[in-house]
N, C-alpha and C. Protein backbone atom coordinates (compact mmCIF):
# COMPACT_ATOMS: atom_id res chain seq x y z
N MET A 1 58.98 24.85 116.86
CA MET A 1 57.72 25.37 117.38
C MET A 1 56.84 25.87 116.24
N ARG A 2 57.46 26.44 115.22
CA ARG A 2 56.67 26.93 114.09
C ARG A 2 55.95 25.80 113.39
N GLN A 3 56.62 24.65 113.28
CA GLN A 3 55.99 23.52 112.61
C GLN A 3 54.78 23.03 113.39
N ILE A 4 54.88 23.03 114.72
CA ILE A 4 53.74 22.61 115.54
C ILE A 4 52.58 23.59 115.36
N ASN A 5 52.90 24.89 115.37
CA ASN A 5 51.84 25.89 115.15
C ASN A 5 51.20 25.71 113.78
N PHE A 6 52.02 25.45 112.76
CA PHE A 6 51.49 25.25 111.41
C PHE A 6 50.55 24.05 111.38
N VAL A 7 50.95 22.95 112.01
CA VAL A 7 50.12 21.74 112.01
C VAL A 7 48.80 22.00 112.72
N VAL A 8 48.86 22.69 113.85
CA VAL A 8 47.63 22.99 114.59
C VAL A 8 46.69 23.87 113.76
N ILE A 9 47.23 24.91 113.15
CA ILE A 9 46.40 25.81 112.33
C ILE A 9 45.85 25.05 111.12
N PHE A 10 46.66 24.20 110.50
CA PHE A 10 46.21 23.43 109.34
C PHE A 10 45.07 22.50 109.71
N VAL A 11 45.19 21.81 110.84
CA VAL A 11 44.14 20.87 111.27
C VAL A 11 42.85 21.62 111.58
N ILE A 12 42.96 22.76 112.25
CA ILE A 12 41.76 23.54 112.56
C ILE A 12 41.12 24.05 111.28
N SER A 13 41.92 24.54 110.34
CA SER A 13 41.38 25.04 109.08
C SER A 13 40.71 23.91 108.29
N LEU A 14 41.33 22.76 108.25
CA LEU A 14 40.74 21.62 107.55
C LEU A 14 39.42 21.22 108.18
N ALA A 15 39.37 21.21 109.51
CA ALA A 15 38.12 20.88 110.20
C ALA A 15 37.03 21.90 109.88
N LEU A 16 37.39 23.18 109.82
CA LEU A 16 36.41 24.21 109.49
C LEU A 16 35.89 24.05 108.05
N VAL A 17 36.77 23.72 107.13
CA VAL A 17 36.34 23.52 105.73
C VAL A 17 35.39 22.34 105.64
N LEU A 18 35.75 21.23 106.27
CA LEU A 18 34.87 20.06 106.23
C LEU A 18 33.54 20.34 106.92
N PHE A 19 33.59 21.07 108.01
CA PHE A 19 32.36 21.46 108.71
C PHE A 19 31.51 22.36 107.82
N GLY A 20 32.16 23.28 107.15
CA GLY A 20 31.43 24.21 106.27
C GLY A 20 30.78 23.52 105.10
N ILE A 21 31.44 22.53 104.54
CA ILE A 21 30.88 21.79 103.40
C ILE A 21 29.60 21.06 103.82
N GLN A 22 29.56 20.57 105.05
CA GLN A 22 28.42 19.77 105.49
C GLN A 22 27.29 20.61 106.08
N ASN A 23 27.52 21.86 106.42
CA ASN A 23 26.50 22.68 107.08
C ASN A 23 26.25 23.96 106.29
N ILE A 24 25.51 23.81 105.20
CA ILE A 24 25.21 24.98 104.37
C ILE A 24 23.76 25.43 104.53
N ASP A 25 23.03 24.87 105.48
CA ASP A 25 21.64 25.24 105.70
C ASP A 25 21.57 26.66 106.25
N PRO A 26 20.64 27.48 105.76
CA PRO A 26 20.50 28.84 106.30
C PRO A 26 19.89 28.80 107.71
N VAL A 27 20.45 29.66 108.57
CA VAL A 27 20.01 29.73 109.95
C VAL A 27 19.79 31.21 110.27
N THR A 28 18.75 31.48 111.09
CA THR A 28 18.46 32.85 111.50
C THR A 28 18.97 33.08 112.91
N ILE A 29 19.69 34.19 113.08
CA ILE A 29 20.18 34.58 114.40
C ILE A 29 19.45 35.86 114.79
N HIS A 30 18.88 35.85 116.00
CA HIS A 30 18.21 37.04 116.52
C HIS A 30 19.22 37.80 117.36
N ILE A 31 19.76 38.88 116.82
CA ILE A 31 20.80 39.65 117.51
C ILE A 31 20.17 40.48 118.62
N VAL A 32 19.28 41.36 118.29
CA VAL A 32 18.47 42.12 119.24
C VAL A 32 17.05 42.16 118.68
N GLN A 33 16.17 42.67 119.49
CA GLN A 33 14.77 42.67 119.05
C GLN A 33 14.63 43.49 117.76
N GLY A 34 14.13 42.83 116.74
CA GLY A 34 13.92 43.49 115.46
C GLY A 34 15.09 43.35 114.50
N VAL A 35 16.22 42.82 114.95
CA VAL A 35 17.37 42.63 114.07
C VAL A 35 17.65 41.13 113.97
N ASP A 36 17.45 40.62 112.79
CA ASP A 36 17.69 39.21 112.52
C ASP A 36 18.74 39.09 111.42
N LEU A 37 19.56 38.04 111.54
CA LEU A 37 20.60 37.79 110.56
C LEU A 37 20.42 36.37 110.06
N GLU A 38 20.33 36.22 108.74
CA GLU A 38 20.18 34.89 108.17
C GLU A 38 21.38 34.61 107.28
N ALA A 39 22.07 33.51 107.60
CA ALA A 39 23.25 33.11 106.84
C ALA A 39 23.44 31.61 107.05
N PRO A 40 24.26 30.99 106.21
CA PRO A 40 24.54 29.57 106.43
C PRO A 40 25.18 29.34 107.81
N LEU A 41 24.89 28.20 108.40
CA LEU A 41 25.38 27.88 109.74
C LEU A 41 26.90 27.92 109.80
N CYS A 42 27.57 27.41 108.77
CA CYS A 42 29.03 27.37 108.80
C CYS A 42 29.61 28.78 108.82
N VAL A 43 29.03 29.70 108.10
CA VAL A 43 29.54 31.08 108.08
C VAL A 43 29.36 31.72 109.46
N GLU A 44 28.20 31.52 110.04
CA GLU A 44 27.96 32.12 111.36
C GLU A 44 28.90 31.56 112.42
N LEU A 45 29.15 30.26 112.39
CA LEU A 45 30.05 29.66 113.36
C LEU A 45 31.51 30.09 113.12
N ILE A 46 31.90 30.20 111.88
CA ILE A 46 33.26 30.66 111.58
C ILE A 46 33.44 32.11 112.04
N VAL A 47 32.44 32.94 111.83
CA VAL A 47 32.51 34.33 112.30
C VAL A 47 32.58 34.36 113.83
N ALA A 48 31.77 33.50 114.48
CA ALA A 48 31.80 33.45 115.95
C ALA A 48 33.17 33.01 116.45
N MET A 49 33.79 32.03 115.79
CA MET A 49 35.13 31.60 116.19
C MET A 49 36.15 32.70 115.94
N GLY A 50 35.99 33.42 114.85
CA GLY A 50 36.90 34.54 114.56
C GLY A 50 36.81 35.62 115.61
N VAL A 51 35.58 35.95 116.02
CA VAL A 51 35.40 36.95 117.07
C VAL A 51 36.02 36.45 118.37
N GLY A 52 35.85 35.17 118.68
CA GLY A 52 36.46 34.59 119.87
C GLY A 52 37.98 34.65 119.82
N ALA A 53 38.55 34.38 118.65
CA ALA A 53 40.01 34.42 118.50
C ALA A 53 40.52 35.85 118.68
N VAL A 54 39.81 36.82 118.13
CA VAL A 54 40.22 38.22 118.29
C VAL A 54 40.14 38.63 119.76
N LEU A 55 39.08 38.24 120.44
CA LEU A 55 38.95 38.56 121.87
C LEU A 55 40.06 37.90 122.69
N ALA A 56 40.41 36.66 122.35
CA ALA A 56 41.51 35.99 123.06
C ALA A 56 42.83 36.72 122.81
N TRP A 57 43.05 37.18 121.59
CA TRP A 57 44.27 37.93 121.27
C TRP A 57 44.32 39.24 122.05
N VAL A 58 43.19 39.95 122.10
CA VAL A 58 43.13 41.22 122.84
C VAL A 58 43.42 40.97 124.31
N PHE A 59 42.85 39.92 124.87
CA PHE A 59 43.11 39.58 126.27
C PHE A 59 44.59 39.27 126.49
N SER A 60 45.18 38.53 125.57
CA SER A 60 46.61 38.21 125.67
C SER A 60 47.47 39.46 125.65
N VAL A 61 47.16 40.39 124.76
CA VAL A 61 47.90 41.65 124.69
C VAL A 61 47.72 42.43 125.99
N TRP A 62 46.52 42.43 126.53
CA TRP A 62 46.25 43.16 127.77
C TRP A 62 47.07 42.58 128.93
N VAL A 63 47.15 41.26 129.01
CA VAL A 63 47.93 40.61 130.06
C VAL A 63 49.41 40.96 129.91
N GLN A 64 49.92 40.99 128.67
CA GLN A 64 51.31 41.36 128.44
C GLN A 64 51.58 42.81 128.85
N VAL A 65 50.65 43.71 128.56
CA VAL A 65 50.82 45.11 128.94
C VAL A 65 50.83 45.24 130.46
N GLN A 66 49.94 44.54 131.13
CA GLN A 66 49.93 44.57 132.59
C GLN A 66 51.24 44.02 133.17
N GLY A 67 51.74 42.95 132.58
CA GLY A 67 53.01 42.39 133.03
C GLY A 67 54.16 43.36 132.82
N PHE A 68 54.13 44.07 131.69
CA PHE A 68 55.18 45.05 131.40
C PHE A 68 55.14 46.20 132.40
N LEU A 69 53.93 46.67 132.70
CA LEU A 69 53.81 47.76 133.67
C LEU A 69 54.20 47.30 135.07
N GLY A 70 53.86 46.09 135.41
CA GLY A 70 54.22 45.54 136.72
C GLY A 70 55.71 45.30 136.86
N SER A 71 56.36 44.93 135.76
CA SER A 71 57.80 44.67 135.83
C SER A 71 58.57 45.97 135.99
N GLY A 72 58.02 47.09 135.54
CA GLY A 72 58.69 48.38 135.74
C GLY A 72 58.82 48.71 137.21
N LYS A 73 57.80 48.41 138.00
CA LYS A 73 57.85 48.65 139.44
C LYS A 73 58.88 47.73 140.10
N LYS A 74 58.93 46.47 139.65
CA LYS A 74 59.90 45.54 140.22
C LYS A 74 61.32 45.99 139.90
N ILE A 75 61.53 46.49 138.70
CA ILE A 75 62.86 46.96 138.32
C ILE A 75 63.27 48.14 139.18
N GLU A 76 62.34 49.04 139.43
CA GLU A 76 62.65 50.20 140.29
C GLU A 76 63.03 49.73 141.69
N GLN A 77 62.29 48.77 142.24
CA GLN A 77 62.59 48.25 143.57
C GLN A 77 63.96 47.58 143.59
N ARG A 78 64.29 46.85 142.55
CA ARG A 78 65.59 46.19 142.50
C ARG A 78 66.72 47.20 142.38
N GLU A 79 66.49 48.26 141.59
CA GLU A 79 67.51 49.30 141.46
C GLU A 79 67.77 49.98 142.80
N LEU A 80 66.70 50.25 143.55
CA LEU A 80 66.87 50.85 144.88
C LEU A 80 67.64 49.91 145.80
N ARG A 81 67.32 48.63 145.75
CA ARG A 81 68.02 47.65 146.59
C ARG A 81 69.49 47.56 146.21
N ILE A 82 69.79 47.62 144.93
CA ILE A 82 71.19 47.59 144.46
C ILE A 82 71.94 48.80 144.98
N GLN A 83 71.30 49.97 144.92
CA GLN A 83 71.95 51.18 145.43
C GLN A 83 72.21 51.07 146.93
N GLU A 84 71.26 50.54 147.68
CA GLU A 84 71.45 50.36 149.12
C GLU A 84 72.62 49.42 149.40
N LEU A 85 72.69 48.33 148.66
CA LEU A 85 73.77 47.37 148.87
C LEU A 85 75.12 47.95 148.48
N GLU A 86 75.17 48.75 147.41
CA GLU A 86 76.43 49.40 147.03
C GLU A 86 76.88 50.39 148.10
N GLN A 87 75.94 51.10 148.70
CA GLN A 87 76.28 52.01 149.79
C GLN A 87 76.81 51.23 151.01
N ASP A 88 76.20 50.09 151.30
CA ASP A 88 76.68 49.25 152.40
C ASP A 88 78.10 48.77 152.14
N VAL A 89 78.36 48.34 150.92
CA VAL A 89 79.71 47.86 150.58
C VAL A 89 80.72 48.98 150.73
N GLU A 90 80.39 50.17 150.27
CA GLU A 90 81.31 51.31 150.38
C GLU A 90 81.56 51.66 151.85
N ARG A 91 80.51 51.62 152.66
CA ARG A 91 80.65 51.92 154.07
C ARG A 91 81.55 50.89 154.76
N TYR A 92 81.35 49.61 154.43
CA TYR A 92 82.19 48.56 155.01
C TYR A 92 83.65 48.70 154.56
N ARG A 93 83.84 49.11 153.31
CA ARG A 93 85.20 49.31 152.80
C ARG A 93 85.90 50.43 153.58
N VAL A 94 85.18 51.51 153.84
CA VAL A 94 85.75 52.63 154.60
C VAL A 94 86.07 52.17 156.03
N GLU A 95 85.19 51.41 156.64
CA GLU A 95 85.42 50.91 158.00
C GLU A 95 86.67 50.03 158.05
N LEU A 96 86.84 49.19 157.05
CA LEU A 96 88.01 48.32 157.02
C LEU A 96 89.30 49.13 156.83
N GLU A 97 89.24 50.17 156.02
CA GLU A 97 90.42 51.00 155.80
C GLU A 97 90.79 51.78 157.06
N GLN A 98 89.85 52.11 157.88
CA GLN A 98 90.10 52.89 159.09
C GLN A 98 90.63 52.02 160.23
N GLN A 99 90.40 50.74 160.20
CA GLN A 99 90.88 49.86 161.26
C GLN A 99 92.39 49.67 161.12
N PRO A 100 93.12 49.62 162.26
CA PRO A 100 94.57 49.41 162.17
C PRO A 100 94.85 47.98 161.69
N MET A 101 95.90 47.85 160.94
CA MET A 101 96.28 46.54 160.42
C MET A 101 96.91 45.72 161.54
N LEU A 102 96.68 44.45 161.56
CA LEU A 102 97.28 43.56 162.54
C LEU A 102 98.76 43.39 162.22
N PRO A 103 99.61 43.32 163.24
CA PRO A 103 101.04 43.15 162.94
C PRO A 103 101.30 41.79 162.32
N ALA A 104 102.26 41.77 161.43
CA ALA A 104 102.62 40.51 160.78
C ALA A 104 103.31 39.61 161.77
N SER A 105 103.08 38.33 161.71
CA SER A 105 103.71 37.41 162.66
C SER A 105 105.19 37.27 162.32
N LYS A 106 106.00 37.09 163.34
CA LYS A 106 107.44 36.99 163.15
C LYS A 106 107.88 35.55 163.36
N ASN A 107 107.20 34.66 162.74
CA ASN A 107 107.50 33.24 162.85
C ASN A 107 108.34 32.75 161.68
N SER A 108 108.94 33.64 160.94
CA SER A 108 109.72 33.22 159.78
C SER A 108 110.93 32.41 160.21
N ASP A 109 111.55 32.74 161.37
CA ASP A 109 112.68 31.97 161.87
C ASP A 109 112.22 30.57 162.28
N ASN A 110 111.07 30.49 162.95
CA ASN A 110 110.54 29.20 163.38
C ASN A 110 110.18 28.33 162.17
N ASP A 111 109.66 28.98 161.11
CA ASP A 111 109.28 28.26 159.91
C ASP A 111 110.49 27.64 159.25
N ALA A 112 111.60 28.39 159.23
CA ALA A 112 112.83 27.86 158.63
C ALA A 112 113.34 26.67 159.41
N GLU A 113 113.30 26.74 160.74
CA GLU A 113 113.76 25.65 161.58
C GLU A 113 112.88 24.41 161.41
N SER A 114 111.55 24.62 161.32
CA SER A 114 110.65 23.49 161.20
C SER A 114 110.80 22.82 159.83
N SER A 115 111.10 23.60 158.80
CA SER A 115 111.28 23.01 157.48
C SER A 115 112.58 22.21 157.43
N GLU A 116 113.61 22.64 158.18
CA GLU A 116 114.86 21.89 158.23
C GLU A 116 114.64 20.57 158.98
N ALA A 117 113.78 20.60 160.00
CA ALA A 117 113.51 19.38 160.78
C ALA A 117 112.81 18.35 159.91
N PHE A 118 111.91 18.79 159.06
CA PHE A 118 111.20 17.86 158.19
C PHE A 118 112.12 17.31 157.11
N ALA A 119 113.08 18.12 156.68
CA ALA A 119 113.98 17.70 155.61
C ALA A 119 114.90 16.57 156.07
N SER A 120 115.27 16.60 157.34
CA SER A 120 116.21 15.58 157.80
C SER A 120 115.50 14.41 158.38
């Protein structure tokens, strides 16, 4: 995966360098009324892409934080469910221990006779 990321970053960087070499004309950007910025087109576009990349990174971090906070609630719900199920298991175990045991069948004599019948 690192090699794929490296190739993607390399291709984008190469494209930016080639774009920058061909677009060195000065361009004026009107930021707000009375504030103008004049710089080569390639510099302004690279800065704009950098700002976009930073905003995308901030958004990604924000989504991860939301997911982390949301998973805490899910973990709490699962822990409560586990506790409920453990209590159910313990209750069923107690119920089984309180029930009288069924008497063992006394078919051992019949089993011996049937095994002798099969042997002969």
